């Protein structure tokens, strides 16, 4: 990356296979017609997008185009920040284009599935502020870690679902993959008891299926977990789903896809800038789901950083 370029396009090859070779070529041609000084890279494996974006921003890139699903956007976002949490380049812009099987964040933006329909945005100078979540947690090796997230970070059932989805084929698409994995996870899930503190409010103890710290609205392959969440309001929508059985899920699970679950008994919706969570039993592993990625477990601290990112959307 010795040459200075203004726009870096990051493509997940798995997303490329989902788009198809013809559409991928058409997308690249359309981007070249729309923006100047553009460079294209394909990610080589987990973590590669973060490294490539960080290096590009250090070298002078101003706009990063992320082509892929929620996992790709998550890795690209983390490249906007140095390891100590400082932004790599103030004012840099993220342009997420849809691709791959995970498409929850695009729904909050109101995007369809075809990235070609959105290329014109890349030539528009207008951007919007976007809040970003910061997470401190315990990784899968038992070590303290930090991560930025764009959409939703949750704990409880979602972490187990992620693990099952990532171990299985996604050939049937995100919706079916997550629905099947959720049913499988519920069959073996034991609802944990957790301690929660939101901002400076008193600590509460709850038995939960899921607690979602939501910047966006959708997660889990199309579940509208936080129907009133906004990307620029400075607060998480913190949604707690109570313990439920597989039978409960089969009877009422459809409501979370419509966003009407918030009216069910036991569902709690709160708003906060900071959430601290830990298992009531320190030896219990309560798993995390971070932008669709199974990264680790509680204890964890979720903090929303207001307007930290400029979004081309």
Protein backbone atom coordinates (compact mmCIF):
# COMPACT_ATOMS: atom_id res chain seq x y z
CA UNK A 1 0.00 0.00 0.00
CA UNK A 2 2.82 2.41 -0.81
CA UNK A 3 0.61 4.53 -3.08
CA UNK A 4 -1.78 6.96 -1.42
CA UNK A 5 -5.41 6.29 -2.31
CA UNK A 6 -8.59 7.82 -0.98
CA UNK A 7 -10.87 4.77 -0.93
CA UNK A 8 -10.15 1.21 0.13
CA UNK A 9 -12.68 -1.48 -0.82
CA UNK A 10 -12.51 -4.52 1.46
CA UNK A 11 -14.18 -7.64 0.08
CA UNK A 12 -14.72 -10.84 2.00
CA UNK A 13 -14.17 -13.65 -0.57
CA UNK A 14 -17.04 -15.61 0.99
CA UNK A 15 -19.26 -12.60 0.33
CA UNK A 16 -17.86 -12.56 -3.20
CA UNK A 17 -19.00 -16.12 -3.74
CA UNK A 18 -22.45 -15.18 -2.42
CA UNK A 19 -22.63 -12.20 -4.80
CA UNK A 20 -21.48 -14.27 -7.75
CA UNK A 21 -18.53 -13.56 -10.01
CA UNK A 22 -20.52 -11.53 -12.55
CA UNK A 23 -22.08 -9.24 -9.95
CA UNK A 24 -18.72 -8.88 -8.20
CA UNK A 25 -17.08 -7.70 -11.44
CA UNK A 26 -19.98 -5.31 -12.08
CA UNK A 27 -19.66 -3.94 -8.55
CA UNK A 28 -15.94 -3.29 -8.94
CA UNK A 29 -16.49 -1.53 -12.27
CA UNK A 30 -19.28 0.62 -10.83
CA UNK A 31 -17.12 1.64 -7.86
CA UNK A 32 -14.23 2.61 -10.16
CA UNK A 33 -16.60 4.80 -12.18
CA UNK A 34 -17.91 6.47 -9.02
CA UNK A 35 -14.81 7.19 -6.92
CA UNK A 36 -11.23 8.12 -7.72
CA UNK A 37 -8.02 6.73 -6.24
CA UNK A 38 -9.52 3.39 -5.22
CA UNK A 39 -7.79 0.20 -4.11
CA UNK A 40 -9.43 -3.25 -3.78
CA UNK A 41 -8.35 -5.97 -1.34
CA UNK A 42 -9.73 -9.40 -0.47
CA UNK A 43 -9.43 -10.58 3.11
CA UNK A 44 -7.25 -13.65 3.68
CA UNK A 45 -8.74 -14.83 6.98
CA UNK A 46 -10.02 -13.76 10.42
CA UNK A 47 -8.60 -10.42 11.55
CA UNK A 48 -7.13 -9.56 8.15
CA UNK A 49 -9.72 -6.87 7.40
CA UNK A 50 -8.91 -5.06 10.64
CA UNK A 51 -5.20 -4.98 9.87
CA UNK A 52 -5.67 -3.88 6.26
CA UNK A 53 -8.07 -1.06 7.16
CA UNK A 54 -5.80 0.22 9.93
CA UNK A 55 -2.80 0.29 7.57
CA UNK A 56 -4.81 2.00 4.82
CA UNK A 57 -6.04 4.75 7.16
CA UNK A 58 -2.54 5.32 8.46
CA UNK A 59 -1.39 5.69 4.84
CA UNK A 60 -4.00 8.36 4.09
CA UNK A 61 -7.19 6.60 2.99
CA UNK A 62 -10.32 8.63 3.71
CA UNK A 63 -13.12 6.18 2.91
CA UNK A 64 -13.39 2.47 3.63
CA UNK A 65 -15.97 0.43 1.72
CA UNK A 66 -16.83 -2.85 3.43
CA UNK A 67 -18.45 -5.46 1.15
CA UNK A 68 -19.75 -8.41 3.12
CA UNK A 69 -21.98 -9.44 5.98
CA UNK A 70 -22.09 -8.32 9.59
CA UNK A 71 -18.86 -10.11 10.47
CA UNK A 72 -16.96 -8.30 7.71
CA UNK A 73 -18.32 -4.91 8.80
CA UNK A 74 -17.35 -5.74 12.38
CA UNK A 75 -13.74 -6.48 11.46
CA UNK A 76 -13.53 -3.40 9.24
CA UNK A 77 -14.88 -1.17 12.03
CA UNK A 78 -12.17 -2.37 14.40
CA UNK A 79 -9.57 -1.22 11.88
CA UNK A 80 -10.72 2.38 12.43
CA UNK A 81 -9.13 2.34 15.90
CA UNK A 82 -5.64 1.84 17.20
CA UNK A 83 -5.08 -0.86 19.80
CA UNK A 84 -5.16 1.81 22.55
CA UNK A 85 -8.63 2.94 21.39
CA UNK A 86 -7.64 6.14 19.56
CA UNK A 87 -9.16 6.70 16.09
CA UNK A 88 -6.58 5.95 13.42
CA UNK A 89 -7.73 8.85 11.24
CA UNK A 90 -10.18 11.51 12.40
CA UNK A 91 -13.06 12.00 9.98
CA UNK A 92 -12.55 8.73 8.09
CA UNK A 93 -15.76 7.34 6.60
CA UNK A 94 -17.18 3.81 6.63
CA UNK A 95 -19.43 2.72 3.77
CA UNK A 96 -20.94 -0.73 4.48
CA UNK A 97 -22.30 -2.50 1.39
CA UNK A 98 -24.34 -5.72 1.73
CA UNK A 99 -22.97 -9.15 0.90
CA UNK A 100 -22.64 -12.55 2.53
CA UNK A 101 -25.21 -14.31 4.70
CA UNK A 102 -25.23 -12.03 7.75
CA UNK A 103 -27.33 -8.96 6.89
CA UNK A 104 -28.75 -7.59 10.13
CA UNK A 105 -26.97 -4.23 10.11
CA UNK A 106 -28.10 -3.47 6.56
CA UNK A 107 -31.74 -3.72 7.73
CA UNK A 108 -31.21 -0.91 10.23
CA UNK A 109 -29.82 1.19 7.36
CA UNK A 110 -32.81 0.28 5.20
CA UNK A 111 -30.65 -1.44 2.56
CA UNK A 112 -31.67 -4.25 0.25
CA UNK A 113 -29.38 -7.15 -0.67
CA UNK A 114 -27.88 -5.74 -3.88
CA UNK A 115 -24.74 -3.62 -3.31
CA UNK A 116 -24.91 -2.28 -6.88
CA UNK A 117 -27.95 -0.24 -5.90
CA UNK A 118 -25.87 1.63 -3.30
CA UNK A 119 -22.69 2.51 -5.21
CA UNK A 120 -23.93 6.05 -5.91
CA UNK A 121 -23.63 6.77 -2.19
CA UNK A 122 -19.86 6.42 -2.44
CA UNK A 123 -19.62 9.51 -4.64
CA UNK A 124 -21.81 11.61 -2.35
CA UNK A 125 -19.95 13.75 0.18
CA UNK A 126 -22.79 13.56 2.71
CA UNK A 127 -22.22 11.39 5.78
CA UNK A 128 -24.09 10.78 9.02
CA UNK A 129 -22.80 10.34 12.56
CA UNK A 130 -22.98 6.85 14.00
CA UNK A 131 -22.56 5.75 17.61
CA UNK A 132 -20.17 2.87 18.23
CA UNK A 133 -20.12 0.31 21.03
CA UNK A 134 -16.96 -0.51 22.98
CA UNK A 135 -16.72 -3.86 24.75
CA UNK A 136 -14.34 -5.09 27.45
CA UNK A 137 -14.69 -8.84 28.02
CA UNK A 138 -12.97 -12.19 28.56
CA UNK A 139 -11.90 -13.85 25.31
CA UNK A 140 -12.10 -17.56 24.45
CA UNK A 141 -8.63 -18.13 25.88
CA UNK A 142 -9.62 -16.62 29.24
CA UNK A 143 -7.76 -13.34 28.74
CA UNK A 144 -9.09 -9.77 29.08
CA UNK A 145 -9.82 -8.25 25.67
CA UNK A 146 -11.52 -5.29 24.04
CA UNK A 147 -13.51 -4.90 20.84
CA UNK A 148 -15.59 -2.25 19.03
CA UNK A 149 -19.01 -3.14 17.66
CA UNK A 150 -21.33 -1.49 15.19
CA UNK A 151 -24.68 -3.18 15.63
CA UNK A 152 -25.50 -5.30 18.71
CA UNK A 153 -23.58 -7.09 21.43
CA UNK A 154 -25.52 -9.56 23.55
CA UNK A 155 -24.97 -12.35 26.02
CA UNK A 156 -26.77 -15.53 26.94
CA UNK A 157 -28.41 -17.62 24.26
CA UNK A 158 -26.95 -15.62 21.36
CA UNK A 159 -23.37 -16.68 22.08
CA UNK A 160 -24.35 -20.35 21.87
CA UNK A 161 -26.33 -19.70 18.67
CA UNK A 162 -23.31 -18.02 17.07
CA UNK A 163 -21.13 -20.97 17.91
CA UNK A 164 -23.59 -23.39 16.31
CA UNK A 165 -24.03 -21.21 13.21
CA UNK A 166 -20.31 -20.85 12.69
CA UNK A 167 -19.84 -24.63 12.96
CA UNK A 168 -22.53 -25.37 10.36
CA UNK A 169 -23.16 -24.64 6.70
CA UNK A 170 -24.80 -21.31 5.81
CA UNK A 171 -25.91 -22.56 2.41
CA UNK A 172 -29.57 -21.93 3.25
CA UNK A 173 -28.93 -18.28 4.12
CA UNK A 174 -28.75 -16.28 7.31
CA UNK A 175 -32.41 -16.48 8.31
CA UNK A 176 -32.67 -20.27 8.16
CA UNK A 177 -29.19 -20.81 9.62
CA UNK A 178 -29.91 -18.69 12.68
CA UNK A 179 -33.47 -20.02 13.17
CA UNK A 180 -32.27 -23.64 13.13
CA UNK A 181 -29.33 -22.83 15.41
CA UNK A 182 -31.62 -20.99 17.85
CA UNK A 183 -33.93 -24.01 18.14
CA UNK A 184 -30.92 -26.31 18.65
CA UNK A 185 -29.42 -23.98 21.25
CA UNK A 186 -32.66 -23.71 23.24
CA UNK A 187 -32.82 -27.50 23.50
CA UNK A 188 -29.57 -27.49 25.53
CA UNK A 189 -29.47 -23.97 26.99
CA UNK A 190 -29.66 -23.39 30.74
CA UNK A 191 -30.70 -19.78 31.43
CA UNK A 192 -27.98 -18.10 33.51
CA UNK A 193 -28.37 -15.78 36.47
CA UNK A 194 -26.49 -12.51 35.90
CA UNK A 195 -25.71 -9.29 37.73
CA UNK A 196 -26.46 -6.14 35.75
CA UNK A 197 -25.75 -2.47 36.32
CA UNK A 198 -26.96 0.15 33.86
CA UNK A 199 -25.18 3.51 34.15
CA UNK A 200 -25.25 4.53 37.84
CA UNK A 201 -28.48 2.71 38.69
CA UNK A 202 -28.62 0.04 41.41
CA UNK A 203 -27.41 -3.43 40.45
CA UNK A 204 -30.08 -5.99 39.56
CA UNK A 205 -29.97 -9.79 39.44
CA UNK A 206 -31.91 -11.53 36.66
CA UNK A 207 -32.35 -14.97 35.15
CA UNK A 208 -32.14 -14.38 31.41
CA UNK A 209 -32.22 -15.92 27.98
CA UNK A 210 -30.69 -12.89 26.28
CA UNK A 211 -29.58 -9.39 27.17
CA UNK A 212 -28.90 -7.29 24.07
CA UNK A 213 -27.04 -3.97 24.13
CA UNK A 214 -28.42 -2.61 20.89
CA UNK A 215 -27.14 0.21 18.73
CA UNK A 216 -29.04 -1.18 15.72
CA UNK A 217 -32.40 -2.95 15.56
CA UNK A 218 -31.80 -6.45 14.17
CA UNK A 219 -29.65 -9.42 15.09
CA UNK A 220 -29.67 -13.21 14.87
CA UNK A 221 -30.51 -13.44 11.17
CA UNK A 222 -33.53 -11.13 11.12
CA UNK A 223 -34.75 -10.83 14.72
CA UNK A 224 -35.94 -7.27 15.41
CA UNK A 225 -34.70 -7.41 18.97
CA UNK A 226 -34.66 -3.62 19.56
CA UNK A 227 -37.33 -2.07 17.33
CA UNK A 228 -36.80 1.50 18.60
CA UNK A 229 -32.98 1.54 18.55
CA UNK A 230 -31.28 4.38 16.68
CA UNK A 231 -27.68 4.63 15.49
CA UNK A 232 -27.19 8.23 16.58
CA UNK A 233 -29.20 8.77 19.77
CA UNK A 234 -26.34 8.28 22.23
CA UNK A 235 -27.93 5.37 24.09
CA UNK A 236 -28.12 1.59 23.91
CA UNK A 237 -31.55 0.02 23.87
CA UNK A 238 -30.92 -2.71 26.46
CA UNK A 239 -33.40 -5.55 25.87
CA UNK A 240 -33.70 -8.41 28.36
CA UNK A 241 -35.53 -11.59 27.34
CA UNK A 242 -36.48 -13.77 30.31
CA UNK A 243 -35.74 -17.47 30.62
CA UNK A 244 -37.81 -19.45 28.14
CA UNK A 245 -38.17 -23.04 27.03
CA UNK A 246 -38.04 -24.46 23.52
CA UNK A 247 -41.85 -24.69 23.67
CA UNK A 248 -42.04 -20.96 24.54
CA UNK A 249 -39.81 -20.16 21.59
CA UNK A 250 -41.86 -22.24 19.17
CA UNK A 251 -45.08 -20.58 20.38
CA UNK A 252 -43.88 -16.98 20.59
CA UNK A 253 -40.54 -16.84 18.80
CA UNK A 254 -42.10 -15.34 15.69
CA UNK A 255 -42.79 -12.14 17.64
CA UNK A 256 -39.11 -11.26 17.97
CA UNK A 257 -38.84 -11.27 14.17
CA UNK A 258 -41.67 -8.73 14.00
CA UNK A 259 -40.40 -6.67 16.94
CA UNK A 260 -43.63 -7.17 18.91
CA UNK A 261 -41.95 -9.28 21.61
CA UNK A 262 -41.33 -6.11 23.63
CA UNK A 263 -44.99 -6.27 24.76
CA UNK A 264 -44.68 -9.82 26.16
CA UNK A 265 -44.63 -10.38 29.93
CA UNK A 266 -41.12 -10.52 31.35
CA UNK A 267 -39.43 -8.64 28.49
CA UNK A 268 -37.63 -5.54 29.77
CA UNK A 269 -36.50 -2.62 27.59
CA UNK A 270 -34.20 -0.03 29.17
CA UNK A 271 -31.82 2.64 27.86
CA UNK A 272 -28.28 3.29 29.00
CA UNK A 273 -24.83 4.41 27.85
CA UNK A 274 -22.99 1.84 29.95
CA UNK A 275 -23.84 -1.73 30.94
CA UNK A 276 -21.76 -3.85 33.31
CA UNK A 277 -22.61 -7.57 33.40
CA UNK A 278 -21.19 -10.59 35.20
CA UNK A 279 -22.41 -14.10 35.98
CA UNK A 280 -23.89 -14.58 39.44
CA UNK A 281 -21.86 -17.79 39.60
CA UNK A 282 -18.27 -16.77 38.72
CA UNK A 283 -17.60 -20.25 37.33
CA UNK A 284 -20.48 -20.13 34.83
CA UNK A 285 -19.59 -19.31 31.22
CA UNK A 286 -22.14 -16.80 29.89
CA UNK A 287 -21.27 -16.43 26.21
CA UNK A 288 -21.15 -13.26 24.12
CA UNK A 289 -22.56 -12.54 20.64
CA UNK A 290 -20.87 -9.45 19.17
CA UNK A 291 -22.11 -8.38 15.73
CA UNK A 292 -22.80 -12.07 15.09
CA UNK A 293 -19.37 -13.21 16.30
CA UNK A 294 -18.79 -15.58 19.24
CA UNK A 295 -15.85 -13.79 20.86
CA UNK A 296 -15.86 -14.83 24.51
CA UNK A 297 -17.80 -14.48 27.73
CA UNK A 298 -18.76 -12.37 30.74
CA UNK A 299 -17.78 -10.45 32.82
CA UNK A 300 -18.08 -7.61 30.34
CA UNK A 301 -18.58 -3.86 30.13
CA UNK A 302 -20.50 -2.35 27.21
CA UNK A 303 -20.07 1.39 26.57
CA UNK A 304 -21.60 3.52 23.81
CA UNK A 305 -19.36 6.18 22.29
CA UNK A 306 -21.52 8.90 20.78
CA UNK A 307 -21.00 9.97 17.16
CA UNK A 308 -17.54 8.40 17.00
CA UNK A 309 -17.88 7.21 13.39
CA UNK A 310 -18.86 8.90 10.14
CA UNK A 311 -21.10 6.60 8.09
CA UNK A 312 -21.83 6.80 4.37
CA UNK A 313 -25.47 5.79 4.50
